[in-house]
Amino acid sequence: MKYLIAGLGNIGEEYRNTRHNIGFDVADAFVAAHKATFNNDRLAEVAECKWKGKTFIVIKPTTYMNLSGRAIKYWLDKEKIPIENLLVIMDELALPLDVIRLRPGGSDAGHNGLKSIQESLGTNQYPRLRFGIGNNYPKGRQVEFVLGKWKNTEAPIVQEKIEKCSEIIESFASIGLARTMNEYNKLTFPSVK
């Protein structure tokens, strides 16, 4: 069984460790935990991980967030992976920091990465892992917040959630989307000070 795990983010040093790049951070942690490495390839940095008879093609699109769909479509087609075996990992303003939500599909809710994926795939029905980043910013400062770096007080909870996301990816591949949603969607992480 093959799975495409797509962490969303932007390439470049200025975006490293920002809220908007959490998909890249989760992809990095998952690949490191499985002792694999990324290589530059077409439209993405790509790593291949094997775990319990399953193969994960993990990508970090190099197209920038707004064109993520191009990379995802290319790698789904190239690896002949069905859309139900795709898992997109992204930041989610609409969720508080202490929450992760796995979903089978849904609207892009203004997220440019999801908008691009929907355009490329012709559907919004594909699994996604929404990493809550909260919305604790002054009116009109959304872009600065999303592209901003985590606060020191947030770092421990972010690290814990990143580790839990690796578990969720494995669970998604082994027991399926519905059971993984039941198990992980009710979790909350230690409260942020």
N, C-alpha and C. Protein backbone atom coordinates (compact mmCIF):
# COMPACT_ATOMS: atom_id res chain seq x y z
N MET A 1 0.83 -1.20 0.00
CA MET A 1 0.00 0.00 0.00
C MET A 1 0.87 1.25 0.00
N LYS A 2 0.51 2.19 -0.86
CA LYS A 2 1.27 3.44 -0.98
C LYS A 2 0.43 4.62 -0.54
N TYR A 3 1.07 5.55 0.14
CA TYR A 3 0.40 6.76 0.62
C TYR A 3 1.22 7.98 0.24
N LEU A 4 0.52 9.06 -0.10
CA LEU A 4 1.19 10.34 -0.35
C LEU A 4 0.90 11.25 0.84
N ILE A 5 1.94 11.64 1.54
CA ILE A 5 1.83 12.55 2.67
C ILE A 5 2.39 13.88 2.22
N ALA A 6 1.55 14.91 2.18
CA ALA A 6 1.97 16.21 1.67
C ALA A 6 1.90 17.25 2.77
N GLY A 7 3.07 17.70 3.21
CA GLY A 7 3.13 18.78 4.20
C GLY A 7 3.18 20.10 3.46
N LEU A 8 2.29 21.02 3.80
CA LEU A 8 2.25 22.31 3.11
C LEU A 8 3.12 23.35 3.81
N GLY A 9 3.72 24.21 2.99
CA GLY A 9 4.55 25.29 3.52
C GLY A 9 5.16 26.07 2.38
N ASN A 10 6.06 26.97 2.72
CA ASN A 10 6.78 27.77 1.72
C ASN A 10 8.27 27.50 1.86
N ILE A 11 8.95 27.39 0.71
CA ILE A 11 10.40 27.20 0.77
C ILE A 11 11.08 28.52 1.07
N GLY A 12 12.26 28.44 1.64
CA GLY A 12 13.03 29.65 1.93
C GLY A 12 13.23 29.83 3.42
N GLU A 13 14.40 30.34 3.76
CA GLU A 13 14.80 30.50 5.16
C GLU A 13 13.83 31.38 5.94
N GLU A 14 13.29 32.43 5.28
CA GLU A 14 12.42 33.37 6.01
C GLU A 14 11.11 32.73 6.47
N TYR A 15 10.76 31.57 5.89
CA TYR A 15 9.51 30.91 6.28
C TYR A 15 9.73 29.78 7.29
N ARG A 16 10.99 29.45 7.56
CA ARG A 16 11.29 28.34 8.46
C ARG A 16 10.71 28.61 9.86
N ASN A 17 10.09 27.57 10.43
CA ASN A 17 9.51 27.65 11.79
C ASN A 17 8.40 28.68 11.93
N THR A 18 7.73 29.00 10.83
CA THR A 18 6.56 29.88 10.94
C THR A 18 5.31 29.01 11.05
N ARG A 19 4.23 29.63 11.50
CA ARG A 19 2.97 28.88 11.66
C ARG A 19 2.51 28.28 10.33
N HIS A 20 2.67 29.05 9.26
CA HIS A 20 2.19 28.61 7.94
C HIS A 20 2.98 27.40 7.42
N ASN A 21 4.16 27.16 7.99
CA ASN A 21 5.02 26.07 7.52
C ASN A 21 4.91 24.81 8.36
N ILE A 22 3.90 24.71 9.19
CA ILE A 22 3.81 23.57 10.10
C ILE A 22 3.71 22.25 9.32
N GLY A 23 3.14 22.28 8.13
CA GLY A 23 3.07 21.06 7.31
C GLY A 23 4.46 20.54 6.97
N PHE A 24 5.38 21.46 6.65
CA PHE A 24 6.77 21.08 6.38
C PHE A 24 7.40 20.47 7.65
N ASP A 25 7.12 21.10 8.80
CA ASP A 25 7.72 20.64 10.05
C ASP A 25 7.25 19.23 10.40
N VAL A 26 5.96 18.96 10.18
CA VAL A 26 5.43 17.62 10.45
C VAL A 26 6.06 16.61 9.48
N ALA A 27 6.16 16.99 8.21
CA ALA A 27 6.78 16.10 7.21
C ALA A 27 8.23 15.80 7.59
N ASP A 28 8.97 16.81 8.01
CA ASP A 28 10.37 16.64 8.43
C ASP A 28 10.46 15.65 9.59
N ALA A 29 9.58 15.83 10.59
CA ALA A 29 9.62 14.97 11.78
C ALA A 29 9.28 13.53 11.42
N PHE A 30 8.28 13.35 10.56
CA PHE A 30 7.86 12.00 10.16
C PHE A 30 8.99 11.28 9.42
N VAL A 31 9.61 12.00 8.50
CA VAL A 31 10.70 11.41 7.70
C VAL A 31 11.91 11.09 8.58
N ALA A 32 12.24 12.00 9.50
CA ALA A 32 13.36 11.76 10.41
C ALA A 32 13.09 10.55 11.31
N ALA A 33 11.86 10.43 11.80
CA ALA A 33 11.48 9.30 12.67
C ALA A 33 11.60 7.96 11.93
N HIS A 34 11.45 7.99 10.61
CA HIS A 34 11.55 6.77 9.81
C HIS A 34 12.91 6.64 9.12
N LYS A 35 13.87 7.44 9.61
CA LYS A 35 15.27 7.36 9.15
C LYS A 35 15.42 7.48 7.63
N ALA A 36 14.62 8.36 7.05
CA ALA A 36 14.72 8.63 5.61
C ALA A 36 15.21 10.07 5.42
N THR A 37 15.48 10.45 4.17
CA THR A 37 15.91 11.82 3.91
C THR A 37 15.20 12.35 2.67
N PHE A 38 15.08 13.67 2.63
CA PHE A 38 14.46 14.33 1.47
C PHE A 38 15.49 14.56 0.37
N ASN A 39 15.03 14.45 -0.88
CA ASN A 39 15.83 14.82 -2.04
C ASN A 39 15.02 15.78 -2.88
N ASN A 40 15.71 16.70 -3.55
CA ASN A 40 15.00 17.60 -4.46
C ASN A 40 14.57 16.81 -5.69
N ASP A 41 13.31 16.95 -6.05
CA ASP A 41 12.78 16.26 -7.22
C ASP A 41 11.80 17.21 -7.90
N ARG A 42 11.01 16.70 -8.79
CA ARG A 42 10.10 17.55 -9.55
C ARG A 42 9.03 18.18 -8.66
N LEU A 43 9.00 19.49 -8.60
CA LEU A 43 7.99 20.29 -7.88
C LEU A 43 7.99 20.11 -6.37
N ALA A 44 8.91 19.31 -5.82
CA ALA A 44 8.86 19.05 -4.37
C ALA A 44 10.18 18.46 -3.88
N GLU A 45 10.38 18.58 -2.57
CA GLU A 45 11.36 17.75 -1.90
C GLU A 45 10.61 16.47 -1.55
N VAL A 46 11.24 15.32 -1.82
CA VAL A 46 10.55 14.04 -1.70
C VAL A 46 11.37 13.05 -0.88
N ALA A 47 10.68 12.32 -0.02
CA ALA A 47 11.32 11.24 0.75
C ALA A 47 10.42 10.01 0.65
N GLU A 48 11.02 8.85 0.73
CA GLU A 48 10.25 7.60 0.73
C GLU A 48 10.52 6.87 2.04
N CYS A 49 9.44 6.58 2.78
CA CYS A 49 9.56 5.87 4.06
C CYS A 49 8.80 4.56 3.96
N LYS A 50 9.37 3.54 4.57
CA LYS A 50 8.67 2.25 4.64
C LYS A 50 8.35 1.96 6.10
N TRP A 51 7.15 1.44 6.33
CA TRP A 51 6.72 1.15 7.70
C TRP A 51 5.63 0.08 7.66
N LYS A 52 5.90 -1.05 8.31
CA LYS A 52 4.93 -2.15 8.41
C LYS A 52 4.30 -2.51 7.06
N GLY A 53 5.13 -2.67 6.05
CA GLY A 53 4.65 -3.09 4.74
C GLY A 53 4.00 -1.98 3.92
N LYS A 54 4.02 -0.77 4.44
CA LYS A 54 3.43 0.36 3.72
C LYS A 54 4.54 1.30 3.25
N THR A 55 4.28 1.96 2.13
CA THR A 55 5.24 2.92 1.60
C THR A 55 4.62 4.31 1.66
N PHE A 56 5.35 5.23 2.26
CA PHE A 56 4.91 6.63 2.31
C PHE A 56 5.80 7.45 1.40
N ILE A 57 5.19 8.11 0.43
CA ILE A 57 5.90 9.11 -0.36
C ILE A 57 5.56 10.43 0.33
N VAL A 58 6.57 11.06 0.91
CA VAL A 58 6.35 12.29 1.68
C VAL A 58 6.89 13.45 0.86
N ILE A 59 6.05 14.45 0.63
CA ILE A 59 6.50 15.60 -0.17
C ILE A 59 6.32 16.91 0.57
N LYS A 60 7.26 17.81 0.28
CA LYS A 60 7.15 19.21 0.68
C LYS A 60 7.22 20.00 -0.64
N PRO A 61 6.07 20.47 -1.14
CA PRO A 61 6.07 21.17 -2.43
C PRO A 61 7.04 22.36 -2.44
N THR A 62 7.77 22.51 -3.54
CA THR A 62 8.68 23.64 -3.70
C THR A 62 8.06 24.71 -4.60
N THR A 63 6.75 24.64 -4.75
CA THR A 63 6.01 25.53 -5.64
C THR A 63 5.54 26.79 -4.93
N TYR A 64 5.80 26.92 -3.63
CA TYR A 64 5.16 27.88 -2.74
C TYR A 64 3.72 27.45 -2.51
N MET A 65 3.21 27.87 -1.36
CA MET A 65 1.89 27.43 -0.87
C MET A 65 0.80 27.53 -1.93
N ASN A 66 0.75 28.68 -2.64
CA ASN A 66 -0.38 28.95 -3.54
C ASN A 66 -0.46 28.04 -4.75
N LEU A 67 0.60 27.25 -5.00
CA LEU A 67 0.58 26.30 -6.13
C LEU A 67 0.81 24.87 -5.66
N SER A 68 0.54 24.60 -4.38
CA SER A 68 0.77 23.26 -3.81
C SER A 68 0.09 22.16 -4.61
N GLY A 69 -1.08 22.46 -5.16
CA GLY A 69 -1.86 21.46 -5.90
C GLY A 69 -1.10 20.86 -7.07
N ARG A 70 -0.25 21.66 -7.72
CA ARG A 70 0.51 21.15 -8.87
C ARG A 70 1.42 20.00 -8.45
N ALA A 71 2.11 20.18 -7.33
CA ALA A 71 3.03 19.15 -6.84
C ALA A 71 2.25 17.91 -6.40
N ILE A 72 1.15 18.12 -5.70
CA ILE A 72 0.38 16.99 -5.18
C ILE A 72 -0.21 16.18 -6.33
N LYS A 73 -0.76 16.84 -7.32
CA LYS A 73 -1.33 16.15 -8.49
C LYS A 73 -0.24 15.36 -9.22
N TYR A 74 0.91 15.99 -9.41
CA TYR A 74 2.01 15.33 -10.12
C TYR A 74 2.43 14.05 -9.39
N TRP A 75 2.61 14.10 -8.07
CA TRP A 75 3.10 12.94 -7.33
C TRP A 75 2.03 11.87 -7.14
N LEU A 76 0.78 12.27 -7.02
CA LEU A 76 -0.31 11.27 -7.00
C LEU A 76 -0.30 10.47 -8.30
N ASP A 77 -0.22 11.19 -9.43
CA ASP A 77 -0.24 10.53 -10.74
C ASP A 77 1.02 9.69 -10.95
N LYS A 78 2.18 10.27 -10.64
CA LYS A 78 3.44 9.57 -10.88
C LYS A 78 3.52 8.26 -10.09
N GLU A 79 3.09 8.31 -8.84
CA GLU A 79 3.18 7.14 -7.96
C GLU A 79 1.93 6.26 -8.01
N LYS A 80 0.93 6.69 -8.81
CA LYS A 80 -0.34 5.95 -8.96
C LYS A 80 -0.99 5.68 -7.59
N ILE A 81 -1.12 6.76 -6.82
CA ILE A 81 -1.70 6.67 -5.48
C ILE A 81 -3.15 7.18 -5.55
N PRO A 82 -4.11 6.40 -5.04
CA PRO A 82 -5.50 6.86 -5.06
C PRO A 82 -5.70 8.04 -4.10
N ILE A 83 -6.64 8.91 -4.43
CA ILE A 83 -6.85 10.13 -3.65
C ILE A 83 -7.17 9.85 -2.18
N GLU A 84 -7.80 8.70 -1.91
CA GLU A 84 -8.12 8.40 -0.50
C GLU A 84 -6.86 8.04 0.31
N ASN A 85 -5.74 7.81 -0.38
CA ASN A 85 -4.47 7.54 0.31
C ASN A 85 -3.58 8.78 0.36
N LEU A 86 -4.17 9.94 0.07
CA LEU A 86 -3.47 11.22 0.19
C LEU A 86 -3.79 11.80 1.56
N LEU A 87 -2.80 12.34 2.25
CA LEU A 87 -3.04 13.08 3.48
C LEU A 87 -2.28 14.40 3.40
N VAL A 88 -3.04 15.50 3.42
CA VAL A 88 -2.46 16.85 3.35
C VAL A 88 -2.38 17.41 4.77
N ILE A 89 -1.22 17.94 5.14
CA ILE A 89 -1.03 18.49 6.49
C ILE A 89 -0.83 20.00 6.37
N MET A 90 -1.67 20.75 7.09
CA MET A 90 -1.61 22.20 6.96
C MET A 90 -1.99 22.91 8.25
N ASP A 91 -1.64 24.21 8.29
CA ASP A 91 -1.99 25.07 9.42
C ASP A 91 -3.47 25.45 9.33
N GLU A 92 -4.10 25.63 10.50
CA GLU A 92 -5.53 25.94 10.52
C GLU A 92 -5.82 27.04 11.55
N LEU A 93 -6.13 28.23 11.02
CA LEU A 93 -6.47 29.38 11.86
C LEU A 93 -7.75 29.16 12.66
N ALA A 94 -8.68 28.42 12.10
CA ALA A 94 -10.00 28.25 12.72
C ALA A 94 -9.97 27.31 13.92
N LEU A 95 -8.82 26.70 14.18
CA LEU A 95 -8.71 25.79 15.33
C LEU A 95 -7.74 26.37 16.34
N PRO A 96 -8.06 26.20 17.64
CA PRO A 96 -7.11 26.66 18.66
C PRO A 96 -5.83 25.84 18.63
N LEU A 97 -4.79 26.38 19.24
CA LEU A 97 -3.47 25.74 19.22
C LEU A 97 -3.48 24.35 19.85
N ASP A 98 -4.40 24.11 20.78
CA ASP A 98 -4.35 22.82 21.50
C ASP A 98 -5.08 21.69 20.78
N VAL A 99 -5.41 21.89 19.50
CA VAL A 99 -6.25 20.93 18.77
C VAL A 99 -5.62 20.53 17.44
N ILE A 100 -5.84 19.26 17.06
CA ILE A 100 -5.53 18.75 15.72
C ILE A 100 -6.82 18.11 15.23
N ARG A 101 -7.17 18.31 13.96
CA ARG A 101 -8.38 17.68 13.43
C ARG A 101 -8.07 16.99 12.11
N LEU A 102 -8.46 15.74 12.04
CA LEU A 102 -8.35 14.97 10.81
C LEU A 102 -9.72 15.03 10.14
N ARG A 103 -9.77 15.33 8.85
CA ARG A 103 -11.04 15.46 8.13
C ARG A 103 -10.98 14.73 6.79
N PRO A 104 -12.13 14.20 6.32
CA PRO A 104 -12.14 13.50 5.03
C PRO A 104 -12.23 14.46 3.83
N GLY A 105 -12.50 15.73 4.10
CA GLY A 105 -12.65 16.70 3.01
C GLY A 105 -13.20 17.99 3.57
N GLY A 106 -13.67 18.87 2.69
CA GLY A 106 -14.27 20.12 3.14
C GLY A 106 -13.76 21.30 2.35
N SER A 107 -14.26 22.47 2.70
CA SER A 107 -13.92 23.68 1.95
C SER A 107 -12.48 24.11 2.24
N ASP A 108 -11.97 25.01 1.42
CA ASP A 108 -10.60 25.49 1.63
C ASP A 108 -10.54 26.54 2.72
N ALA A 109 -11.70 27.09 3.12
CA ALA A 109 -11.79 28.10 4.19
C ALA A 109 -10.77 29.22 4.02
N GLY A 110 -10.51 29.60 2.75
CA GLY A 110 -9.59 30.70 2.47
C GLY A 110 -8.12 30.32 2.51
N HIS A 111 -7.82 29.03 2.72
CA HIS A 111 -6.41 28.59 2.76
C HIS A 111 -5.93 28.40 1.31
N ASN A 112 -4.94 29.20 0.91
CA ASN A 112 -4.51 29.18 -0.50
C ASN A 112 -3.93 27.85 -0.94
N GLY A 113 -3.28 27.14 -0.03
CA GLY A 113 -2.76 25.82 -0.37
C GLY A 113 -3.89 24.87 -0.72
N LEU A 114 -4.94 24.86 0.12
CA LEU A 114 -6.09 23.98 -0.13
C LEU A 114 -6.83 24.39 -1.40
N LYS A 115 -6.91 25.69 -1.64
CA LYS A 115 -7.57 26.19 -2.86
C LYS A 115 -6.87 25.62 -4.09
N SER A 116 -5.55 25.66 -4.07
CA SER A 116 -4.75 25.15 -5.19
C SER A 116 -4.94 23.64 -5.37
N ILE A 117 -4.98 22.91 -4.25
CA ILE A 117 -5.16 21.46 -4.33
C ILE A 117 -6.53 21.12 -4.92
N GLN A 118 -7.56 21.85 -4.46
CA GLN A 118 -8.91 21.62 -4.97
C GLN A 118 -8.96 21.87 -6.48
N GLU A 119 -8.31 22.94 -6.93
CA GLU A 119 -8.29 23.25 -8.38
C GLU A 119 -7.57 22.14 -9.14
N SER A 120 -6.43 21.67 -8.63
CA SER A 120 -5.64 20.66 -9.33
C SER A 120 -6.32 19.29 -9.35
N LEU A 121 -6.97 18.93 -8.24
CA LEU A 121 -7.57 17.60 -8.14
C LEU A 121 -9.02 17.58 -8.61
N GLY A 122 -9.64 18.76 -8.72
CA GLY A 122 -11.04 18.82 -9.16
C GLY A 122 -12.02 18.36 -8.10
N THR A 123 -11.57 18.32 -6.83
CA THR A 123 -12.46 17.93 -5.73
C THR A 123 -11.90 18.48 -4.42
N ASN A 124 -12.81 18.65 -3.44
CA ASN A 124 -12.32 19.03 -2.11
C ASN A 124 -12.46 17.84 -1.15
N GLN A 125 -12.72 16.67 -1.72
CA GLN A 125 -12.85 15.45 -0.91
C GLN A 125 -11.53 14.67 -0.93
N TYR A 126 -10.64 15.06 -0.06
CA TYR A 126 -9.38 14.35 0.15
C TYR A 126 -9.01 14.57 1.62
N PRO A 127 -8.42 13.57 2.27
CA PRO A 127 -8.11 13.68 3.69
C PRO A 127 -7.10 14.79 3.98
N ARG A 128 -7.36 15.51 5.08
CA ARG A 128 -6.40 16.53 5.51
C ARG A 128 -6.28 16.53 7.03
N LEU A 129 -5.09 16.85 7.47
CA LEU A 129 -4.78 16.94 8.90
C LEU A 129 -4.59 18.42 9.20
N ARG A 130 -5.54 18.98 9.95
CA ARG A 130 -5.55 20.42 10.23
C ARG A 130 -4.89 20.66 11.59
N PHE A 131 -3.77 21.36 11.55
CA PHE A 131 -2.97 21.64 12.74
C PHE A 131 -3.37 23.01 13.26
N GLY A 132 -4.12 23.04 14.38
CA GLY A 132 -4.60 24.31 14.92
C GLY A 132 -3.45 25.25 15.27
N ILE A 133 -3.53 26.49 14.78
CA ILE A 133 -2.51 27.49 15.13
C ILE A 133 -3.13 28.64 15.93
N GLY A 134 -4.48 28.58 16.13
CA GLY A 134 -5.14 29.65 16.86
C GLY A 134 -5.31 30.89 15.99
N ASN A 135 -5.97 31.88 16.56
CA ASN A 135 -6.18 33.13 15.79
C ASN A 135 -6.01 34.32 16.72
N ASN A 136 -4.94 34.25 17.50
CA ASN A 136 -4.67 35.27 18.51
C ASN A 136 -3.87 36.42 17.90
N TYR A 137 -4.53 37.22 17.07
CA TYR A 137 -3.84 38.35 16.43
C TYR A 137 -4.80 39.54 16.34
N PRO A 138 -4.26 40.76 16.31
CA PRO A 138 -5.11 41.95 16.19
C PRO A 138 -5.78 41.99 14.82
N LYS A 139 -6.93 42.63 14.76
CA LYS A 139 -7.68 42.77 13.50
C LYS A 139 -6.76 43.30 12.39
N GLY A 140 -6.86 42.66 11.22
CA GLY A 140 -6.08 43.11 10.08
C GLY A 140 -4.64 42.60 10.06
N ARG A 141 -4.25 41.79 11.05
CA ARG A 141 -2.86 41.33 11.12
C ARG A 141 -2.74 39.83 10.85
N GLN A 142 -3.73 39.26 10.16
CA GLN A 142 -3.74 37.80 9.94
C GLN A 142 -2.50 37.30 9.21
N VAL A 143 -2.11 38.00 8.14
CA VAL A 143 -0.96 37.55 7.34
C VAL A 143 0.31 37.53 8.19
N GLU A 144 0.52 38.59 8.96
CA GLU A 144 1.70 38.65 9.84
C GLU A 144 1.69 37.51 10.84
N PHE A 145 0.51 37.21 11.37
CA PHE A 145 0.39 36.13 12.36
C PHE A 145 0.73 34.78 11.73
N VAL A 146 0.12 34.50 10.59
CA VAL A 146 0.31 33.21 9.93
C VAL A 146 1.77 33.02 9.50
N LEU A 147 2.37 34.10 9.01
CA LEU A 147 3.76 34.01 8.55
C LEU A 147 4.76 34.30 9.67
N GLY A 148 4.23 34.47 10.89
CA GLY A 148 5.10 34.74 12.04
C GLY A 148 5.62 33.45 12.66
N LYS A 149 6.64 33.61 13.48
CA LYS A 149 7.23 32.44 14.16
C LYS A 149 6.46 32.14 15.44
N TRP A 150 6.55 30.90 15.89
CA TRP A 150 5.90 30.50 17.15
C TRP A 150 6.51 31.27 18.32
N LYS A 151 5.68 31.56 19.31
CA LYS A 151 6.19 32.17 20.54
C LYS A 151 6.91 31.08 21.35
N ASN A 152 7.82 31.50 22.20
CA ASN A 152 8.54 30.53 23.05
C ASN A 152 7.57 29.72 23.91
N THR A 153 6.50 30.37 24.37
CA THR A 153 5.53 29.66 25.22
C THR A 153 4.76 28.60 24.43
N GLU A 154 4.70 28.76 23.10
CA GLU A 154 3.96 27.81 22.27
C GLU A 154 4.81 26.61 21.86
N ALA A 155 6.14 26.78 21.91
CA ALA A 155 7.04 25.76 21.37
C ALA A 155 6.81 24.34 21.93
N PRO A 156 6.64 24.17 23.25
CA PRO A 156 6.46 22.80 23.76
C PRO A 156 5.21 22.12 23.22
N ILE A 157 4.11 22.85 23.15
CA ILE A 157 2.86 22.27 22.66
C ILE A 157 2.97 21.96 21.16
N VAL A 158 3.65 22.83 20.42
CA VAL A 158 3.84 22.61 18.98
C VAL A 158 4.66 21.33 18.77
N GLN A 159 5.72 21.17 19.56
CA GLN A 159 6.57 19.98 19.44
C GLN A 159 5.78 18.72 19.76
N GLU A 160 4.98 18.78 20.80
CA GLU A 160 4.17 17.62 21.19
C GLU A 160 3.17 17.26 20.08
N LYS A 161 2.56 18.29 19.50
CA LYS A 161 1.59 18.04 18.42
C LYS A 161 2.27 17.47 17.17
N ILE A 162 3.47 17.97 16.86
CA ILE A 162 4.21 17.45 15.70
C ILE A 162 4.46 15.95 15.88
N GLU A 163 4.88 15.56 17.10
CA GLU A 163 5.14 14.14 17.37
C GLU A 163 3.84 13.33 17.24
N LYS A 164 2.75 13.88 17.73
CA LYS A 164 1.45 13.18 17.64
C LYS A 164 1.02 13.03 16.19
N CYS A 165 1.35 14.01 15.35
CA CYS A 165 1.00 13.94 13.93
C CYS A 165 1.66 12.74 13.24
N SER A 166 2.90 12.41 13.63
CA SER A 166 3.56 11.23 13.06
C SER A 166 2.76 9.97 13.39
N GLU A 167 2.29 9.91 14.62
CA GLU A 167 1.44 8.79 15.05
C GLU A 167 0.15 8.74 14.22
N ILE A 168 -0.44 9.90 14.00
CA ILE A 168 -1.70 9.99 13.25
C ILE A 168 -1.50 9.50 11.81
N ILE A 169 -0.36 9.87 11.20
CA ILE A 169 -0.07 9.43 9.82
C ILE A 169 0.00 7.90 9.77
N GLU A 170 0.69 7.31 10.73
CA GLU A 170 0.79 5.85 10.77
C GLU A 170 -0.58 5.21 11.00
N SER A 171 -1.36 5.80 11.88
CA SER A 171 -2.69 5.29 12.19
C SER A 171 -3.60 5.37 10.95
N PHE A 172 -3.54 6.48 10.24
CA PHE A 172 -4.31 6.69 9.01
C PHE A 172 -4.01 5.55 8.02
N ALA A 173 -2.73 5.17 7.92
CA ALA A 173 -2.34 4.12 6.97
C ALA A 173 -2.68 2.72 7.48
N SER A 174 -2.76 2.55 8.81
CA SER A 174 -2.97 1.19 9.31
C SER A 174 -4.43 0.89 9.66
N ILE A 175 -5.15 1.83 10.27
CA ILE A 175 -6.55 1.52 10.64
C ILE A 175 -7.57 2.35 9.86
N GLY A 176 -7.08 3.25 9.00
CA GLY A 176 -8.01 4.00 8.15
C GLY A 176 -8.41 5.34 8.75
N LEU A 177 -9.03 6.15 7.89
CA LEU A 177 -9.38 7.53 8.24
C LEU A 177 -10.42 7.60 9.36
N ALA A 178 -11.51 6.85 9.23
CA ALA A 178 -12.63 6.99 10.19
C ALA A 178 -12.19 6.63 11.60
N ARG A 179 -11.50 5.50 11.76
CA ARG A 179 -11.08 5.09 13.10
C ARG A 179 -10.02 6.02 13.66
N THR A 180 -9.15 6.53 12.80
CA THR A 180 -8.13 7.47 13.27
C THR A 180 -8.79 8.78 13.71
N MET A 181 -9.79 9.23 12.98
CA MET A 181 -10.53 10.44 13.38
C MET A 181 -11.14 10.23 14.76
N ASN A 182 -11.78 9.08 14.97
CA ASN A 182 -12.41 8.80 16.27
C ASN A 182 -11.40 8.83 17.41
N GLU A 183 -10.22 8.33 17.12
CA GLU A 183 -9.21 8.22 18.17
C GLU A 183 -8.52 9.54 18.49
N TYR A 184 -8.24 10.35 17.46
CA TYR A 184 -7.38 11.52 17.67
C TYR A 184 -8.11 12.86 17.67
N ASN A 185 -9.29 12.94 17.06
CA ASN A 185 -9.94 14.25 16.96
C ASN A 185 -10.43 14.78 18.30
N LYS A 186 -10.55 13.92 19.29
CA LYS A 186 -11.04 14.40 20.59
C LYS A 186 -9.90 14.85 21.51
N LEU A 187 -8.65 14.65 21.08
CA LEU A 187 -7.50 15.04 21.91
C LEU A 187 -7.39 16.54 22.03
N THR A 188 -7.01 17.01 23.23
CA THR A 188 -6.54 18.39 23.35
C THR A 188 -5.19 18.31 24.03
N PHE A 189 -4.35 19.29 23.75
CA PHE A 189 -2.99 19.28 24.23
C PHE A 189 -2.86 20.23 25.42
N PRO A 190 -1.85 20.07 26.25
CA PRO A 190 -1.75 20.89 27.46
C PRO A 190 -1.98 22.37 27.16
N SER A 191 -2.69 23.00 28.06
CA SER A 191 -3.11 24.39 27.77
C SER A 191 -1.90 25.30 27.61
N VAL A 192 -2.04 26.25 26.72
CA VAL A 192 -0.97 27.19 26.41
C VAL A 192 -1.04 28.32 27.44
N LYS A 193 0.09 28.67 27.99
CA LYS A 193 0.13 29.77 28.98
C LYS A 193 0.18 31.10 28.26
